[in-house]
């Protein structure tokens, strides 16, 4: 069985996908990423803990039986048979009821932690996916720069041969060409690392090229334009804040349990036993017993008072944690909103710069043809265009990430947003 699982895992990992968009990558991660699946198992575990907390409040039924064969010195055999059944029921135990309430709250925490894990998985896979797209784009840009520098080097060599330039021009061009080759090696390595990171999470071999953004995309401004509005939503709806609120309730219940530790507990027990003794004469007895018991601690060596003080300290800690999470959600929402707004403006500015760089390149090409520009001017204009396009690609991916981070900060990130973003990227190809 284990061997079959290993083979299936290897086959899944070595299966190359012909195409994979952003949504497919995230969806696959939610099905196969070990880190996410581990958090999902924790939720399943917590669901069963509620049943365990409820069990002491439900009727408990036990059966018992015994058989003894005794031979004494008079060679008389005595056979004793016992059969019994006991039902016990908690009538009043405030701590057990509070335990059940705490288990329900712990399940709520587990469900929220699962959603947090889902959000983190989405952001992690999106970041890994975009890292590949950025690395791909950087490599394309560097290769274009390499071609441009190579042309510049050949131009310097020809000019040196005909005596119109010095050896210094050729050496400078050679140095620039060697530097760009080093950058190309680094870019190839960065791309390989980025691909490996995503493959380890998805357990598949990625296609040779992932589709990225190749033209202008339309990004809508956020519905709310004031940072404070987003910050207030985050303080109310951020998932970590919700977890902290529930943990504060849990700590409150724990303190309540410690304060009522000296309250009496009331339990009912019903039992029926049948006993048969077979010796010289057979004796059968049926015994039915009903027991109502009450218990309460009188002295516990000071442990009850100590546990109450501990619960007070824990409640204060959870209250401080709640305040911290609210401030942190406030900060994250404000930061993500500003990054998103600034990113939109940056993309707009770089799109304008790209158009200007294209015009500048065409002007330099025309000037070179008529003799008012030299080849270096054309190459520099090309390099400026490539650099602008690289920065524009990075800015587009960064603004998309900022949008997802903003939605995460206000507790509103889900797969539908990833699907829309994936379609936006696909439509730009």
Protein backbone atom coordinates (compact mmCIF):
# COMPACT_ATOMS: atom_id res chain seq x y z
CA UNK A 1 0.00 0.00 0.00
CA UNK A 2 2.77 2.42 0.97
CA UNK A 3 4.66 1.50 -2.19
CA UNK A 4 1.61 2.33 -4.31
CA UNK A 5 1.23 5.70 -2.61
CA UNK A 6 4.90 6.49 -3.23
CA UNK A 7 4.60 5.51 -6.90
CA UNK A 8 1.49 7.67 -7.33
CA UNK A 9 3.24 10.61 -5.67
CA UNK A 10 6.27 10.25 -7.92
CA UNK A 11 4.07 10.00 -11.00
CA UNK A 12 2.13 13.08 -9.93
CA UNK A 13 5.35 15.00 -9.38
CA UNK A 14 6.90 13.95 -12.68
CA UNK A 15 3.81 14.65 -14.73
CA UNK A 16 4.41 17.75 -16.79
CA UNK A 17 1.44 20.00 -17.34
CA UNK A 18 0.94 21.39 -20.83
CA UNK A 19 -0.50 24.63 -19.46
CA UNK A 20 -1.09 26.16 -16.05
CA UNK A 21 -2.62 29.49 -15.21
CA UNK A 22 -2.69 31.25 -11.84
CA UNK A 23 -6.05 29.82 -10.78
CA UNK A 24 -5.02 26.27 -11.68
CA UNK A 25 -1.86 26.63 -9.59
CA UNK A 26 -3.75 27.87 -6.52
CA UNK A 27 -6.50 25.27 -6.91
CA UNK A 28 -3.93 22.49 -7.21
CA UNK A 29 -2.10 23.74 -4.12
CA UNK A 30 -5.30 23.55 -2.07
CA UNK A 31 -5.53 19.87 -3.05
CA UNK A 32 -1.90 18.79 -2.79
CA UNK A 33 0.21 21.27 -0.80
CA UNK A 34 1.44 19.39 2.32
CA UNK A 35 1.47 22.52 4.47
CA UNK A 36 -2.19 23.32 3.71
CA UNK A 37 -3.34 19.72 4.08
CA UNK A 38 -1.67 19.57 7.51
CA UNK A 39 -3.77 22.54 8.66
CA UNK A 40 -6.87 20.90 7.22
CA UNK A 41 -6.19 17.81 9.34
CA UNK A 42 -6.09 20.00 12.45
CA UNK A 43 -9.65 21.14 11.71
CA UNK A 44 -10.84 17.54 11.41
CA UNK A 45 -9.17 16.77 14.73
CA UNK A 46 -10.93 19.65 16.50
CA UNK A 47 -14.34 18.50 15.27
CA UNK A 48 -13.88 15.24 17.15
CA UNK A 49 -12.86 17.05 20.34
CA UNK A 50 -16.41 18.43 20.60
CA UNK A 51 -17.77 14.89 20.73
CA UNK A 52 -15.28 14.10 23.48
CA UNK A 53 -16.39 17.13 25.49
CA UNK A 54 -20.06 16.20 25.04
CA UNK A 55 -19.60 12.58 26.08
CA UNK A 56 -19.37 13.19 29.88
CA UNK A 57 -22.77 14.94 29.74
CA UNK A 58 -24.46 12.03 28.02
CA UNK A 59 -25.69 8.82 29.71
CA UNK A 60 -22.94 6.26 30.18
CA UNK A 61 -23.83 2.56 30.23
CA UNK A 62 -21.47 -0.19 31.43
CA UNK A 63 -21.91 -3.92 31.63
CA UNK A 64 -19.92 -6.27 33.80
CA UNK A 65 -19.68 -9.99 34.31
CA UNK A 66 -17.62 -12.52 36.22
CA UNK A 67 -17.39 -16.24 36.82
CA UNK A 68 -15.53 -17.96 39.66
CA UNK A 69 -15.05 -21.66 40.32
CA UNK A 70 -13.89 -22.32 43.92
CA UNK A 71 -12.90 -25.66 45.47
CA UNK A 72 -12.44 -25.79 49.29
CA UNK A 73 -10.84 -28.36 51.60
CA UNK A 74 -14.07 -30.35 51.83
CA UNK A 75 -13.97 -30.93 48.08
CA UNK A 76 -17.05 -28.83 47.69
CA UNK A 77 -17.16 -26.78 44.48
CA UNK A 78 -18.73 -23.35 44.49
CA UNK A 79 -19.58 -21.61 41.22
CA UNK A 80 -20.29 -17.91 41.37
CA UNK A 81 -21.73 -15.96 38.41
CA UNK A 82 -22.23 -12.22 38.39
CA UNK A 83 -23.88 -10.11 35.68
CA UNK A 84 -24.50 -6.41 36.01
CA UNK A 85 -25.38 -3.25 34.10
CA UNK A 86 -24.88 0.31 35.29
CA UNK A 87 -26.19 3.59 33.89
CA UNK A 88 -24.72 6.87 35.10
CA UNK A 89 -25.82 10.38 34.24
CA UNK A 90 -24.45 13.78 35.20
CA UNK A 91 -27.23 15.86 36.72
CA UNK A 92 -25.27 18.99 37.50
CA UNK A 93 -21.62 19.73 36.74
CA UNK A 94 -21.11 23.31 35.67
CA UNK A 95 -17.51 22.75 34.64
CA UNK A 96 -18.43 20.03 32.17
CA UNK A 97 -20.99 22.30 30.52
CA UNK A 98 -18.38 25.05 30.27
CA UNK A 99 -15.97 22.50 28.76
CA UNK A 100 -18.52 21.86 26.02
CA UNK A 101 -18.87 25.61 25.39
CA UNK A 102 -15.10 25.88 25.15
CA UNK A 103 -14.94 22.99 22.70
CA UNK A 104 -17.40 24.77 20.42
CA UNK A 105 -15.33 27.94 20.59
CA UNK A 106 -12.18 25.91 19.91
CA UNK A 107 -13.88 24.53 16.80
CA UNK A 108 -14.68 28.10 15.73
CA UNK A 109 -10.99 28.94 16.18
CA UNK A 110 -9.98 25.89 14.17
CA UNK A 111 -12.33 26.85 11.33
CA UNK A 112 -10.94 30.38 11.30
CA UNK A 113 -7.37 29.06 11.39
CA UNK A 114 -8.26 26.87 8.42
CA UNK A 115 -9.46 29.95 6.52
CA UNK A 116 -6.28 31.78 7.54
CA UNK A 117 -4.24 28.87 6.24
CA UNK A 118 -6.22 28.98 3.00
CA UNK A 119 -5.54 32.71 2.65
CA UNK A 120 -1.85 32.19 3.37
CA UNK A 121 -1.68 29.36 0.82
CA UNK A 122 -3.31 31.56 -1.82
CA UNK A 123 -0.89 34.42 -1.13
CA UNK A 124 2.09 32.06 -1.00
CA UNK A 125 1.24 30.36 -4.31
CA UNK A 126 0.42 33.66 -6.00
CA UNK A 127 3.75 35.07 -4.81
CA UNK A 128 5.60 31.97 -6.06
CA UNK A 129 3.75 32.09 -9.40
CA UNK A 130 4.46 35.79 -9.88
CA UNK A 131 8.10 35.22 -8.91
CA UNK A 132 8.38 32.88 -11.88
CA UNK A 133 6.70 35.37 -14.20
CA UNK A 134 9.00 38.16 -13.02
CA UNK A 135 12.05 35.90 -13.38
CA UNK A 136 10.94 34.94 -16.91
CA UNK A 137 10.50 38.59 -17.81
CA UNK A 138 13.86 39.56 -16.29
CA UNK A 139 15.59 36.87 -18.33
CA UNK A 140 13.94 38.10 -21.54
CA UNK A 141 15.03 41.64 -20.72
CA UNK A 142 18.60 40.60 -19.97
CA UNK A 143 18.79 38.60 -23.19
CA UNK A 144 17.56 41.64 -25.10
CA UNK A 145 20.17 43.78 -23.33
CA UNK A 146 22.80 41.19 -24.18
CA UNK A 147 21.91 41.40 -27.86
CA UNK A 148 22.04 45.18 -27.69
CA UNK A 149 25.41 45.23 -25.93
CA UNK A 150 26.75 42.68 -28.42
CA UNK A 151 25.80 44.97 -31.28
CA UNK A 152 27.48 47.82 -29.45
CA UNK A 153 30.64 45.71 -28.99
CA UNK A 154 30.73 44.81 -32.70
CA UNK A 155 30.21 48.44 -33.56
CA UNK A 156 33.14 49.47 -31.31
CA UNK A 157 35.37 46.79 -32.89
CA UNK A 158 34.60 47.97 -36.40
CA UNK A 159 35.22 51.59 -35.48
CA UNK A 160 38.54 50.68 -33.87
CA UNK A 161 39.58 48.76 -36.98
CA UNK A 162 38.90 51.74 -39.22
CA UNK A 163 40.48 54.10 -36.71
CA UNK A 164 37.43 56.16 -35.77
CA UNK A 165 37.49 55.13 -32.09
CA UNK A 166 40.01 54.15 -29.43
CA UNK A 167 40.68 50.80 -27.82
CA UNK A 168 38.98 52.18 -24.70
CA UNK A 169 35.57 52.14 -26.43
CA UNK A 170 36.04 48.49 -27.32
CA UNK A 171 37.22 47.58 -23.81
CA UNK A 172 34.25 49.36 -22.22
CA UNK A 173 31.86 47.57 -24.55
CA UNK A 174 33.54 44.23 -23.76
CA UNK A 175 33.27 44.90 -20.02
CA UNK A 176 29.56 45.68 -20.38
CA UNK A 177 29.04 42.50 -22.43
CA UNK A 178 30.81 40.35 -19.79
CA UNK A 179 28.71 41.96 -17.05
CA UNK A 180 25.46 41.24 -18.85
CA UNK A 181 26.51 37.61 -19.32
CA UNK A 182 27.00 37.35 -15.56
CA UNK A 183 23.54 38.88 -15.06
CA UNK A 184 22.13 36.32 -17.50
CA UNK A 185 23.57 33.45 -15.44
CA UNK A 186 22.09 34.92 -12.27
CA UNK A 187 18.71 35.43 -13.96
CA UNK A 188 18.66 31.82 -15.17
CA UNK A 189 19.45 30.62 -11.65
CA UNK A 190 16.73 32.83 -10.12
CA UNK A 191 14.21 31.42 -12.59
CA UNK A 192 15.23 27.84 -11.78
CA UNK A 193 14.88 28.48 -8.03
CA UNK A 194 11.49 30.14 -8.48
CA UNK A 195 10.22 27.21 -10.55
CA UNK A 196 11.48 24.68 -8.00
CA UNK A 197 9.74 26.50 -5.13
CA UNK A 198 6.37 26.29 -6.86
CA UNK A 199 6.88 22.72 -8.06
CA UNK A 200 7.55 21.54 -4.50
CA UNK A 201 4.22 22.97 -3.37
CA UNK A 202 2.20 21.68 -6.32
CA UNK A 203 4.00 18.32 -6.68
CA UNK A 204 4.05 18.65 -10.47
CA UNK A 205 6.60 19.61 -13.10
CA UNK A 206 5.69 23.00 -14.51
CA UNK A 207 5.49 23.70 -18.23
CA UNK A 208 8.51 25.40 -19.79
CA UNK A 209 6.79 28.78 -19.88
CA UNK A 210 4.00 30.19 -17.71
CA UNK A 211 1.65 32.74 -19.32
CA UNK A 212 2.25 36.26 -18.05
CA UNK A 213 1.01 39.77 -18.76
CA UNK A 214 1.92 40.89 -22.26
CA UNK A 215 -0.22 43.97 -22.74
CA UNK A 216 -2.21 46.59 -20.85
CA UNK A 217 -4.64 45.32 -18.26
CA UNK A 218 -7.55 47.17 -16.72
CA UNK A 219 -7.36 47.43 -12.95
CA UNK A 220 -10.29 48.92 -11.07
CA UNK A 221 -9.83 51.36 -8.23
CA UNK A 222 -10.94 50.03 -4.82
CA UNK A 223 -14.55 50.63 -3.86
CA UNK A 224 -13.55 52.60 -0.76
CA UNK A 225 -11.13 55.48 -1.32
CA UNK A 226 -10.21 56.34 2.27
CA UNK A 227 -7.55 54.24 4.06
CA UNK A 228 -9.37 54.59 7.40
CA UNK A 229 -12.44 52.87 5.96
CA UNK A 230 -10.39 49.82 5.02
CA UNK A 231 -8.61 49.93 8.36
CA UNK A 232 -11.92 49.87 10.23
CA UNK A 233 -13.15 46.92 8.18
CA UNK A 234 -9.94 45.09 9.00
CA UNK A 235 -10.40 45.71 12.73
CA UNK A 236 -13.85 44.13 12.47
CA UNK A 237 -13.37 41.33 9.92
CA UNK A 238 -9.70 40.36 9.81
CA UNK A 239 -9.49 36.62 10.46
CA UNK A 240 -6.68 36.90 13.01
CA UNK A 241 -8.73 39.49 14.91
CA UNK A 242 -11.72 37.13 14.92
CA UNK A 243 -9.51 34.37 16.31
CA UNK A 244 -8.21 36.68 19.03
CA UNK A 245 -11.79 37.63 20.00
CA UNK A 246 -12.78 33.99 20.37
CA UNK A 247 -9.64 33.22 22.37
CA UNK A 248 -10.60 36.04 24.72
CA UNK A 249 -14.00 34.38 25.18
CA UNK A 250 -12.24 31.08 25.84
CA UNK A 251 -10.08 32.70 28.49
CA UNK A 252 -13.19 34.24 30.05
CA UNK A 253 -14.85 30.83 30.24
CA UNK A 254 -11.70 29.34 31.73
CA UNK A 255 -11.70 31.97 34.46
CA UNK A 256 -15.37 31.24 35.11
CA UNK A 257 -14.54 27.52 35.46
CA UNK A 258 -11.85 28.30 38.03
CA UNK A 259 -14.18 30.50 40.04
CA UNK A 260 -16.86 27.81 40.30
CA UNK A 261 -14.40 24.99 41.02
CA UNK A 262 -15.79 24.64 44.57
CA UNK A 263 -19.39 24.23 43.39
CA UNK A 264 -20.92 20.80 44.14
CA UNK A 265 -21.46 18.22 41.40
CA UNK A 266 -24.55 16.01 41.29
CA UNK A 267 -24.56 12.57 39.60
CA UNK A 268 -27.14 9.80 39.29
CA UNK A 269 -26.25 6.12 38.99
CA UNK A 270 -28.65 3.21 38.34
CA UNK A 271 -27.40 -0.38 38.50
CA UNK A 272 -28.84 -3.88 38.31
CA UNK A 273 -26.89 -7.00 39.26
CA UNK A 274 -27.70 -10.68 39.11
CA UNK A 275 -25.63 -13.02 41.23
CA UNK A 276 -25.88 -16.83 41.24
CA UNK A 277 -24.00 -18.99 43.74
CA UNK A 278 -24.10 -22.68 42.98
CA UNK A 279 -22.79 -24.85 45.79
CA UNK A 280 -24.71 -27.35 47.91
CA UNK A 281 -27.66 -25.17 47.19
CA UNK A 282 -28.24 -22.71 44.41
CA UNK A 283 -28.79 -19.11 45.48
CA UNK A 284 -29.79 -16.38 43.05
CA UNK A 285 -29.95 -12.71 43.95
CA UNK A 286 -31.17 -9.72 41.94
CA UNK A 287 -29.95 -6.39 43.26
CA UNK A 288 -31.09 -3.03 41.92
CA UNK A 289 -29.47 0.14 43.18
CA UNK A 290 -30.14 3.83 42.57
CA UNK A 291 -27.47 6.25 43.78
CA UNK A 292 -27.64 10.02 43.83
CA UNK A 293 -24.24 11.40 44.77
CA UNK A 294 -23.06 14.91 45.49
CA UNK A 295 -19.42 16.00 45.79
CA UNK A 296 -17.57 19.25 46.32
CA UNK A 297 -13.90 20.02 47.01
CA UNK A 298 -13.11 21.32 50.51
CA UNK A 299 -9.36 21.65 50.45
CA UNK A 300 -7.05 21.24 47.45
CA UNK A 301 -3.73 22.49 48.79
CA UNK A 302 -4.27 25.93 47.27
CA UNK A 303 -4.40 24.66 43.67
CA UNK A 304 -7.88 26.11 43.02
CA UNK A 305 -6.84 29.64 44.07
CA UNK A 306 -3.61 29.35 42.08
CA UNK A 307 -5.43 28.18 38.95
CA UNK A 308 -7.86 31.10 39.31
CA UNK A 309 -4.99 33.59 39.42
CA UNK A 310 -3.45 31.85 36.42
CA UNK A 311 -6.75 32.19 34.51
CA UNK A 312 -6.87 35.92 35.32
CA UNK A 313 -3.37 36.35 33.89
CA UNK A 314 -4.29 34.34 30.79
CA UNK A 315 -7.37 36.47 30.20
CA UNK A 316 -5.29 39.65 30.37
CA UNK A 317 -2.83 38.13 27.92
CA UNK A 318 -5.58 37.29 25.45
CA UNK A 319 -7.04 40.79 25.78
CA UNK A 320 -3.64 42.27 24.97
CA UNK A 321 -3.30 39.85 22.05
CA UNK A 322 -6.67 41.00 20.72
CA UNK A 323 -5.55 44.62 20.88
CA UNK A 324 -2.31 43.71 19.11
CA UNK A 325 -4.13 41.83 16.33
CA UNK A 326 -6.50 44.76 15.80
CA UNK A 327 -3.59 47.17 15.50
CA UNK A 328 -1.77 44.77 13.20
CA UNK A 329 -4.85 44.34 10.97
CA UNK A 330 -5.23 48.11 10.95
CA UNK A 331 -1.61 48.49 9.84
CA UNK A 332 -1.77 45.76 7.19
CA UNK A 333 -4.95 47.14 5.66
CA UNK A 334 -3.54 50.67 5.52
CA UNK A 335 -0.25 49.47 4.05
CA UNK A 336 -1.91 47.21 1.45
CA UNK A 337 -4.35 49.93 0.43
CA UNK A 338 -1.58 52.47 -0.06
CA UNK A 339 0.54 49.93 -1.96
CA UNK A 340 -2.42 49.18 -4.20
CA UNK A 341 -3.18 52.84 -4.92
CA UNK A 342 0.50 53.68 -5.45
CA UNK A 343 0.86 50.60 -7.64
CA UNK A 344 -2.00 51.66 -9.87
CA UNK A 345 -0.38 55.07 -10.34
CA UNK A 346 3.02 53.49 -10.96
CA UNK A 347 1.60 51.15 -13.60
CA UNK A 348 -0.08 54.10 -15.31
CA UNK A 349 3.16 56.11 -15.26
CA UNK A 350 5.25 53.20 -16.57
CA UNK A 351 2.74 52.52 -19.35
CA UNK A 352 3.17 56.15 -20.42
CA UNK A 353 6.96 55.76 -20.13
CA UNK A 354 6.80 52.65 -22.31
CA UNK A 355 5.01 54.55 -25.05
CA UNK A 356 7.50 57.40 -24.77
CA UNK A 357 10.43 54.94 -24.93
CA UNK A 358 8.97 53.35 -28.08
CA UNK A 359 8.69 56.78 -29.70
CA UNK A 360 12.24 57.63 -28.63
CA UNK A 361 13.54 54.36 -30.12
CA UNK A 362 11.84 54.99 -33.45
CA UNK A 363 13.22 58.54 -33.51
CA UNK A 364 16.76 57.29 -32.85
CA UNK A 365 16.43 54.63 -35.55
CA UNK A 366 15.28 57.27 -38.03
CA UNK A 367 18.07 59.61 -36.94
CA UNK A 368 20.61 56.82 -37.41
CA UNK A 369 19.35 56.19 -40.92
CA UNK A 370 19.78 59.85 -41.89
CA UNK A 371 23.12 60.19 -40.10
CA UNK A 372 22.25 62.45 -37.18
CA UNK A 373 22.40 59.63 -34.63
CA UNK A 374 24.95 56.90 -34.07
CA UNK A 375 24.44 53.24 -33.29
CA UNK A 376 25.08 53.74 -29.59
CA UNK A 377 22.12 56.12 -29.39
CA UNK A 378 19.87 53.44 -30.90
CA UNK A 379 21.20 50.79 -28.53
CA UNK A 380 20.73 53.03 -25.49
CA UNK A 381 17.16 53.77 -26.59
CA UNK A 382 16.52 50.03 -26.94
CA UNK A 383 17.94 49.37 -23.50
CA UNK A 384 15.76 52.12 -22.03
CA UNK A 385 12.67 50.53 -23.58
CA UNK A 386 13.57 47.05 -22.28
CA UNK A 387 14.24 48.42 -18.79
CA UNK A 388 10.91 50.26 -18.74
CA UNK A 389 9.05 47.14 -19.89
CA UNK A 390 10.75 45.11 -17.15
CA UNK A 391 9.79 47.63 -14.48
CA UNK A 392 6.25 47.78 -15.86
CA UNK A 393 5.86 43.99 -15.66
CA UNK A 394 7.09 43.95 -12.05
CA UNK A 395 4.78 46.84 -11.15
CA UNK A 396 1.77 45.03 -12.61
CA UNK A 397 2.43 41.88 -10.61
CA UNK A 398 3.12 43.89 -7.45
CA UNK A 399 -0.16 45.79 -7.74
CA UNK A 400 -2.06 42.51 -8.21
CA UNK A 401 -0.40 41.10 -5.09
CA UNK A 402 -1.23 44.29 -3.18
CA UNK A 403 -4.89 43.86 -4.09
CA UNK A 404 -4.94 40.30 -2.74
CA UNK A 405 -3.10 41.38 0.40
CA UNK A 406 -5.70 44.12 0.96
CA UNK A 407 -8.53 41.60 0.62
CA UNK A 408 -6.72 39.29 3.04
CA UNK A 409 -6.29 42.10 5.56
CA UNK A 410 -10.06 42.70 5.61
CA UNK A 411 -10.91 38.97 5.65
CA UNK A 412 -12.39 38.91 2.15
CA UNK A 413 -9.89 36.88 0.10
CA UNK A 414 -11.27 33.81 -1.68
CA UNK A 415 -10.75 31.74 -4.82
CA UNK A 416 -13.19 33.80 -6.89
CA UNK A 417 -10.83 36.77 -6.73
CA UNK A 418 -7.94 34.57 -7.85
CA UNK A 419 -10.05 33.26 -10.71
CA UNK A 420 -10.83 36.80 -11.89
CA UNK A 421 -7.17 37.74 -11.64
CA UNK A 422 -6.15 34.64 -13.57
CA UNK A 423 -8.61 35.52 -16.34
CA UNK A 424 -7.24 39.07 -16.41
CA UNK A 425 -3.74 37.71 -17.00
CA UNK A 426 -4.91 35.22 -19.63
CA UNK A 427 -6.78 37.94 -21.52
CA UNK A 428 -3.56 39.98 -21.71
CA UNK A 429 -1.79 37.31 -23.79
